Amino acid sequence: MDAVNARGNGCWAAQTLKHEVESYLHPEAIHEAFGVMIAVTDHPVGGKATPKVFAEAYSLAQGFDGVMKDNLAKARLAERAFPLMTAAHIHERDPEGEVVGWMRRIRDMLQ
């Protein structure tokens, strides 16, 4: 992160409070997108982060022979669950305001 921010070329990196961006997803957005309800955690529980928990629940619900790989789970969540996030969802999952802060920073960088 420090190396990226030190580049001086307009690049910007930030350390998140949660394990990964999928940790900011609201369970309702995942449920609406995929019909499965999971517990979204800020940090991995038992070695399982949000994409893995989702992959296991969705694979079981779909009757897959195995469990969806993490990268595919991340892609599916990005394609279908993130677009369903509302402002209320964001505020509930991110009471510290990190996401709003990122959006403001990006807005300012684009101006």
N, C-alpha and C. Protein backbone atom coordinates (compact mmCIF):
# COMPACT_ATOMS: atom_id res chain seq x y z
N MET A 1 0.83 -1.18 0.00
CA MET A 1 0.00 0.00 0.00
C MET A 1 0.89 1.25 0.00
N ASP A 2 1.89 1.28 0.86
CA ASP A 2 2.78 2.44 0.92
C ASP A 2 3.52 2.65 -0.40
N ALA A 3 3.92 1.55 -1.02
CA ALA A 3 4.63 1.64 -2.30
C ALA A 3 3.73 2.23 -3.38
N VAL A 4 2.49 1.80 -3.42
CA VAL A 4 1.54 2.33 -4.42
C VAL A 4 1.31 3.82 -4.18
N ASN A 5 1.06 4.19 -2.93
CA ASN A 5 0.79 5.60 -2.62
C ASN A 5 2.01 6.48 -2.82
N ALA A 6 3.21 5.91 -2.78
CA ALA A 6 4.44 6.68 -2.96
C ALA A 6 4.81 6.89 -4.43
N ARG A 7 4.09 6.29 -5.33
CA ARG A 7 4.43 6.39 -6.75
C ARG A 7 4.39 7.82 -7.28
N GLY A 8 3.49 8.62 -6.76
CA GLY A 8 3.39 10.00 -7.22
C GLY A 8 2.77 10.14 -8.59
N ASN A 9 2.08 9.12 -9.06
CA ASN A 9 1.48 9.18 -10.40
C ASN A 9 -0.05 9.16 -10.36
N GLY A 10 -0.62 9.45 -9.20
CA GLY A 10 -2.07 9.46 -9.07
C GLY A 10 -2.66 8.16 -8.59
N CYS A 11 -1.84 7.13 -8.44
CA CYS A 11 -2.33 5.85 -7.91
C CYS A 11 -2.65 6.00 -6.43
N TRP A 12 -3.58 5.20 -5.95
CA TRP A 12 -3.99 5.26 -4.56
C TRP A 12 -4.37 3.88 -4.08
N ALA A 13 -3.91 3.52 -2.90
CA ALA A 13 -4.26 2.25 -2.27
C ALA A 13 -4.67 2.53 -0.84
N ALA A 14 -5.54 1.68 -0.31
CA ALA A 14 -6.00 1.83 1.07
C ALA A 14 -6.08 0.47 1.73
N GLN A 15 -5.79 0.43 3.01
CA GLN A 15 -5.95 -0.79 3.81
C GLN A 15 -7.38 -0.83 4.32
N THR A 16 -8.08 -1.92 4.06
CA THR A 16 -9.47 -2.03 4.51
C THR A 16 -9.52 -2.56 5.94
N LEU A 17 -10.59 -2.23 6.63
CA LEU A 17 -10.80 -2.75 7.97
C LEU A 17 -11.27 -4.20 7.94
N LYS A 18 -11.91 -4.58 6.85
CA LYS A 18 -12.42 -5.94 6.71
C LYS A 18 -11.45 -6.75 5.86
N HIS A 19 -11.61 -8.06 5.89
CA HIS A 19 -10.68 -8.98 5.23
C HIS A 19 -10.57 -8.75 3.73
N GLU A 20 -11.69 -8.56 3.06
CA GLU A 20 -11.70 -8.38 1.61
C GLU A 20 -12.99 -7.67 1.22
N VAL A 21 -13.05 -7.21 -0.01
CA VAL A 21 -14.20 -6.40 -0.43
C VAL A 21 -15.52 -7.16 -0.29
N GLU A 22 -15.50 -8.47 -0.49
CA GLU A 22 -16.73 -9.26 -0.34
C GLU A 22 -17.26 -9.24 1.09
N SER A 23 -16.42 -8.91 2.03
CA SER A 23 -16.84 -8.81 3.43
C SER A 23 -17.78 -7.62 3.66
N TYR A 24 -17.86 -6.72 2.70
CA TYR A 24 -18.75 -5.56 2.80
C TYR A 24 -20.14 -5.88 2.22
N LEU A 25 -20.29 -7.03 1.57
CA LEU A 25 -21.59 -7.40 1.02
C LEU A 25 -22.61 -7.63 2.13
N HIS A 26 -23.83 -7.27 1.84
CA HIS A 26 -24.92 -7.51 2.79
C HIS A 26 -25.54 -8.87 2.45
N PRO A 27 -25.85 -9.69 3.46
CA PRO A 27 -26.45 -11.00 3.19
C PRO A 27 -27.74 -10.92 2.37
N GLU A 28 -28.50 -9.83 2.52
CA GLU A 28 -29.73 -9.69 1.74
C GLU A 28 -29.45 -9.56 0.25
N ALA A 29 -28.37 -8.87 -0.12
CA ALA A 29 -28.02 -8.74 -1.54
C ALA A 29 -27.63 -10.10 -2.11
N ILE A 30 -26.91 -10.88 -1.32
CA ILE A 30 -26.53 -12.23 -1.77
C ILE A 30 -27.78 -13.09 -1.90
N HIS A 31 -28.67 -13.00 -0.94
CA HIS A 31 -29.91 -13.78 -0.98
C HIS A 31 -30.76 -13.40 -2.19
N GLU A 32 -30.88 -12.11 -2.42
CA GLU A 32 -31.67 -11.66 -3.57
C GLU A 32 -31.07 -12.14 -4.89
N ALA A 33 -29.75 -12.15 -4.98
CA ALA A 33 -29.09 -12.54 -6.22
C ALA A 33 -29.08 -14.05 -6.45
N PHE A 34 -28.95 -14.83 -5.36
CA PHE A 34 -28.70 -16.26 -5.51
C PHE A 34 -29.67 -17.17 -4.77
N GLY A 35 -30.51 -16.61 -3.92
CA GLY A 35 -31.47 -17.43 -3.19
C GLY A 35 -30.88 -18.22 -2.04
N VAL A 36 -29.68 -17.88 -1.63
CA VAL A 36 -29.08 -18.52 -0.45
C VAL A 36 -28.80 -17.46 0.60
N MET A 37 -28.95 -17.84 1.85
CA MET A 37 -28.67 -16.91 2.94
C MET A 37 -27.42 -17.39 3.66
N ILE A 38 -26.45 -16.50 3.79
CA ILE A 38 -25.21 -16.84 4.49
C ILE A 38 -24.91 -15.75 5.51
N ALA A 39 -24.05 -16.09 6.43
CA ALA A 39 -23.54 -15.09 7.38
C ALA A 39 -22.29 -14.48 6.76
N VAL A 40 -22.31 -13.18 6.56
CA VAL A 40 -21.15 -12.46 6.03
C VAL A 40 -20.35 -11.97 7.22
N THR A 41 -19.07 -12.29 7.24
CA THR A 41 -18.23 -11.90 8.36
C THR A 41 -17.17 -10.90 7.91
N ASP A 42 -16.68 -10.12 8.85
CA ASP A 42 -15.63 -9.15 8.54
C ASP A 42 -14.29 -9.82 8.28
N HIS A 43 -14.07 -10.94 8.94
CA HIS A 43 -12.81 -11.69 8.83
C HIS A 43 -13.14 -13.18 8.77
N PRO A 44 -12.28 -13.97 8.15
CA PRO A 44 -12.56 -15.40 8.01
C PRO A 44 -12.87 -16.07 9.35
N VAL A 45 -13.86 -16.93 9.33
CA VAL A 45 -14.23 -17.72 10.50
C VAL A 45 -13.91 -19.17 10.17
N GLY A 46 -13.09 -19.78 10.98
CA GLY A 46 -12.69 -21.16 10.70
C GLY A 46 -11.97 -21.29 9.38
N GLY A 47 -11.25 -20.25 8.99
CA GLY A 47 -10.51 -20.27 7.73
C GLY A 47 -11.35 -19.99 6.51
N LYS A 48 -12.63 -19.65 6.70
CA LYS A 48 -13.53 -19.43 5.57
C LYS A 48 -13.96 -17.97 5.51
N ALA A 49 -13.60 -17.32 4.42
CA ALA A 49 -14.03 -15.95 4.16
C ALA A 49 -15.36 -16.00 3.39
N THR A 50 -15.96 -14.85 3.18
CA THR A 50 -17.27 -14.75 2.55
C THR A 50 -17.37 -15.51 1.23
N PRO A 51 -16.42 -15.39 0.28
CA PRO A 51 -16.58 -16.14 -0.97
C PRO A 51 -16.65 -17.65 -0.77
N LYS A 52 -15.87 -18.19 0.15
CA LYS A 52 -15.89 -19.63 0.41
C LYS A 52 -17.22 -20.04 1.04
N VAL A 53 -17.72 -19.25 2.01
CA VAL A 53 -19.00 -19.56 2.65
C VAL A 53 -20.12 -19.53 1.61
N PHE A 54 -20.08 -18.52 0.74
CA PHE A 54 -21.07 -18.42 -0.34
C PHE A 54 -20.95 -19.62 -1.28
N ALA A 55 -19.73 -19.93 -1.70
CA ALA A 55 -19.52 -21.03 -2.65
C ALA A 55 -20.08 -22.34 -2.10
N GLU A 56 -19.86 -22.60 -0.84
CA GLU A 56 -20.35 -23.83 -0.25
C GLU A 56 -21.88 -23.85 -0.21
N ALA A 57 -22.48 -22.76 0.23
CA ALA A 57 -23.95 -22.69 0.33
C ALA A 57 -24.60 -22.76 -1.05
N TYR A 58 -24.06 -22.01 -2.01
CA TYR A 58 -24.65 -21.98 -3.34
C TYR A 58 -24.47 -23.32 -4.06
N SER A 59 -23.28 -23.90 -3.94
CA SER A 59 -23.03 -25.20 -4.58
C SER A 59 -23.97 -26.26 -4.04
N LEU A 60 -24.19 -26.25 -2.74
CA LEU A 60 -25.12 -27.21 -2.13
C LEU A 60 -26.54 -26.97 -2.63
N ALA A 61 -26.96 -25.70 -2.65
CA ALA A 61 -28.32 -25.37 -3.09
C ALA A 61 -28.56 -25.74 -4.54
N GLN A 62 -27.51 -25.65 -5.36
CA GLN A 62 -27.64 -25.96 -6.78
C GLN A 62 -27.43 -27.44 -7.08
N GLY A 63 -27.00 -28.20 -6.08
CA GLY A 63 -26.77 -29.63 -6.29
C GLY A 63 -25.52 -29.93 -7.08
N PHE A 64 -24.53 -29.03 -7.02
CA PHE A 64 -23.27 -29.27 -7.72
C PHE A 64 -22.57 -30.48 -7.11
N ASP A 65 -21.77 -31.17 -7.92
CA ASP A 65 -20.99 -32.31 -7.43
C ASP A 65 -19.90 -31.89 -6.47
N GLY A 66 -19.37 -30.69 -6.67
CA GLY A 66 -18.31 -30.17 -5.82
C GLY A 66 -18.64 -28.75 -5.40
N VAL A 67 -17.65 -28.07 -4.86
CA VAL A 67 -17.83 -26.70 -4.41
C VAL A 67 -17.17 -25.76 -5.41
N MET A 68 -17.89 -24.71 -5.76
CA MET A 68 -17.39 -23.67 -6.65
C MET A 68 -16.05 -23.14 -6.13
N LYS A 69 -15.11 -22.90 -7.00
CA LYS A 69 -13.81 -22.34 -6.64
C LYS A 69 -13.97 -20.90 -6.17
N ASP A 70 -13.06 -20.46 -5.31
CA ASP A 70 -13.14 -19.12 -4.74
C ASP A 70 -13.16 -18.01 -5.80
N ASN A 71 -12.31 -18.13 -6.82
CA ASN A 71 -12.27 -17.08 -7.85
C ASN A 71 -13.59 -16.98 -8.60
N LEU A 72 -14.21 -18.10 -8.87
CA LEU A 72 -15.51 -18.08 -9.54
C LEU A 72 -16.57 -17.51 -8.60
N ALA A 73 -16.50 -17.86 -7.32
CA ALA A 73 -17.45 -17.32 -6.35
C ALA A 73 -17.31 -15.80 -6.27
N LYS A 74 -16.08 -15.30 -6.25
CA LYS A 74 -15.85 -13.86 -6.21
C LYS A 74 -16.43 -13.19 -7.46
N ALA A 75 -16.23 -13.81 -8.61
CA ALA A 75 -16.75 -13.25 -9.86
C ALA A 75 -18.27 -13.21 -9.85
N ARG A 76 -18.89 -14.28 -9.40
CA ARG A 76 -20.37 -14.32 -9.35
C ARG A 76 -20.91 -13.27 -8.39
N LEU A 77 -20.29 -13.14 -7.23
CA LEU A 77 -20.73 -12.12 -6.27
C LEU A 77 -20.58 -10.72 -6.86
N ALA A 78 -19.48 -10.48 -7.57
CA ALA A 78 -19.26 -9.17 -8.20
C ALA A 78 -20.31 -8.89 -9.27
N GLU A 79 -20.65 -9.90 -10.05
CA GLU A 79 -21.60 -9.73 -11.16
C GLU A 79 -23.04 -9.54 -10.68
N ARG A 80 -23.43 -10.29 -9.65
CA ARG A 80 -24.85 -10.33 -9.31
C ARG A 80 -25.21 -9.76 -7.95
N ALA A 81 -24.36 -9.88 -6.95
CA ALA A 81 -24.73 -9.40 -5.61
C ALA A 81 -24.35 -7.94 -5.40
N PHE A 82 -23.14 -7.56 -5.79
CA PHE A 82 -22.73 -6.17 -5.57
C PHE A 82 -23.68 -5.16 -6.23
N PRO A 83 -24.18 -5.41 -7.45
CA PRO A 83 -25.11 -4.45 -8.05
C PRO A 83 -26.42 -4.27 -7.26
N LEU A 84 -26.74 -5.22 -6.39
CA LEU A 84 -27.98 -5.14 -5.61
C LEU A 84 -27.79 -4.44 -4.27
N MET A 85 -26.58 -4.02 -3.98
CA MET A 85 -26.32 -3.32 -2.72
C MET A 85 -26.99 -1.94 -2.75
N THR A 86 -27.72 -1.65 -1.69
CA THR A 86 -28.35 -0.34 -1.56
C THR A 86 -27.53 0.51 -0.59
N ALA A 87 -27.86 1.79 -0.52
CA ALA A 87 -27.18 2.66 0.45
C ALA A 87 -27.39 2.15 1.87
N ALA A 88 -28.59 1.68 2.16
CA ALA A 88 -28.86 1.13 3.50
C ALA A 88 -28.02 -0.10 3.77
N HIS A 89 -27.86 -0.97 2.78
CA HIS A 89 -27.01 -2.16 2.93
C HIS A 89 -25.58 -1.73 3.25
N ILE A 90 -25.08 -0.77 2.47
CA ILE A 90 -23.70 -0.32 2.67
C ILE A 90 -23.52 0.24 4.07
N HIS A 91 -24.43 1.09 4.50
CA HIS A 91 -24.31 1.69 5.83
C HIS A 91 -24.39 0.64 6.93
N GLU A 92 -25.20 -0.38 6.73
CA GLU A 92 -25.31 -1.43 7.74
C GLU A 92 -24.05 -2.27 7.83
N ARG A 93 -23.48 -2.61 6.68
CA ARG A 93 -22.26 -3.43 6.67
C ARG A 93 -20.99 -2.62 6.93
N ASP A 94 -21.08 -1.31 6.77
CA ASP A 94 -19.89 -0.46 6.90
C ASP A 94 -20.20 0.78 7.74
N PRO A 95 -20.49 0.59 9.03
CA PRO A 95 -20.84 1.74 9.86
C PRO A 95 -19.69 2.74 10.04
N GLU A 96 -18.45 2.30 9.77
CA GLU A 96 -17.30 3.21 9.87
C GLU A 96 -17.20 4.16 8.68
N GLY A 97 -17.94 3.87 7.61
CA GLY A 97 -17.96 4.76 6.44
C GLY A 97 -16.80 4.59 5.48
N GLU A 98 -16.15 3.46 5.52
CA GLU A 98 -15.02 3.23 4.60
C GLU A 98 -15.43 3.34 3.14
N VAL A 99 -16.50 2.64 2.76
CA VAL A 99 -16.91 2.59 1.36
C VAL A 99 -17.25 3.99 0.85
N VAL A 100 -18.00 4.74 1.64
CA VAL A 100 -18.34 6.12 1.25
C VAL A 100 -17.06 6.94 1.11
N GLY A 101 -16.12 6.72 2.00
CA GLY A 101 -14.83 7.41 1.91
C GLY A 101 -14.09 7.07 0.63
N TRP A 102 -14.11 5.79 0.23
CA TRP A 102 -13.47 5.41 -1.03
C TRP A 102 -14.13 6.09 -2.21
N MET A 103 -15.47 6.11 -2.21
CA MET A 103 -16.19 6.72 -3.33
C MET A 103 -15.89 8.22 -3.42
N ARG A 104 -15.82 8.87 -2.29
CA ARG A 104 -15.49 10.30 -2.29
C ARG A 104 -14.07 10.53 -2.79
N ARG A 105 -13.17 9.68 -2.38
CA ARG A 105 -11.77 9.80 -2.82
C ARG A 105 -11.68 9.61 -4.33
N ILE A 106 -12.37 8.61 -4.85
CA ILE A 106 -12.38 8.36 -6.29
C ILE A 106 -13.01 9.55 -7.03
N ARG A 107 -14.13 10.05 -6.51
CA ARG A 107 -14.76 11.22 -7.11
C ARG A 107 -13.79 12.38 -7.18
N ASP A 108 -13.10 12.65 -6.09
CA ASP A 108 -12.15 13.76 -6.05
C ASP A 108 -10.99 13.55 -7.00
N MET A 109 -10.56 12.31 -7.16
CA MET A 109 -9.45 12.02 -8.08
C MET A 109 -9.87 12.23 -9.54
N LEU A 110 -11.16 12.04 -9.82
CA LEU A 110 -11.65 12.18 -11.20
C LEU A 110 -11.95 13.63 -11.58
N GLN A 111 -12.02 14.49 -10.60
CA GLN A 111 -12.37 15.89 -10.90
C GLN A 111 -11.15 16.68 -11.33
